[in-house]
Amino acid sequence: MSMSWLFPLLLLILTIYAVFYQPYLAFFTGFVLIISLAGIRVIYQYEKGVKFTLGKYTGLLGPGLRYIVPIVEKLQKIDLRIITVDIPKQEVMTRDNVPVRINGVVYFKVKNPEEAILKIQDFQYAISQYSLTALRDIVGNQELDSVLTQRDKIANEIEKLLDKETAEWGLDVTAIKLQDIELPENMKRVMAKQAEAEREKRAVIIKAEGEVAASKNLRSAAETLSKSPAAIHLRTLQTITDVAPNQGNTIVFTIPLEMMRAFDTFNENFGRKRKK
């Protein structure tokens, strides 16, 4: 049992004694006993109590039922759970002179309650303001493309900077997340045009690669068919079969020029024979 409990126990003993042996003092001691009960405190499992005696730090109190002497002692509770602090949305100029609006959130916890109370007045407000400064410094040294594609890297850099600076305050920064990055409307339109042009470029490249592959396959097929004349006729018949079911199609046969010259030569020879 803490030494602080001796004060209310002593008052209780004096009150009992006054009731039986000094009735005129019973009211006074009872009144003081009731006032002393205001010093009872309950510290939860996730908390630590920082105790001051006449303004001087005198130690930490763990979870449980605790007692502090009113007026003489003071207890300040510190939550040891992870605390969330929002980084309000602010406009930051990137290294390539593009204004962006960014907000985020900081997750931290109190590692040393004594330092968090004695070395900083309001650690939640302090870490919120420091995170704003760190965000501007880190994002201001990055280009827009890096800010949009490397959020985790930027968050880790901010976390390291915050953790280093707030360690002496008894705080431990566990994580930082960038929630939203808002671009100007004109920049959104420019990026949309850039993305559209990039997609068209990829489509043209893919189409050209397909045509090159198709031409190679056609050349290979032509070389194979040229080795067998019968294969060319079979391919021609198959093509006619594919086109014939549709009556609206017109089938045009292409006759090689050499064949027409052969017919002309035959007609000339045949005509000469008849004249003879």
Foldseek 3Di string as FASTA:
>chain_A
DDPQVVVLVVLVVVLVCCVVPNVVCNVVSVVVSVVQVVQKDFADQQKKKFKDFQNHTDDIDHGDIDGDGPPGMDIDMFGFAKDKAKQDWDWAQACVGFIKTWIKMWIKGFQDVVLLVPVDPHVRVVLNVVLNVLLNVLRRDHDPVCVVPPQVVSFVSSQVVSQVVCVSSRMHTDGMGIDDMGGDPVVVVVVVVVVVVVVVVVVVVVVVVVVVVVVVVVVVVVVVCVVPVVSVVVVVVVVCVVVPVDPVDDDDDDDDPVVVVVVVVVVVVVVVVVVD
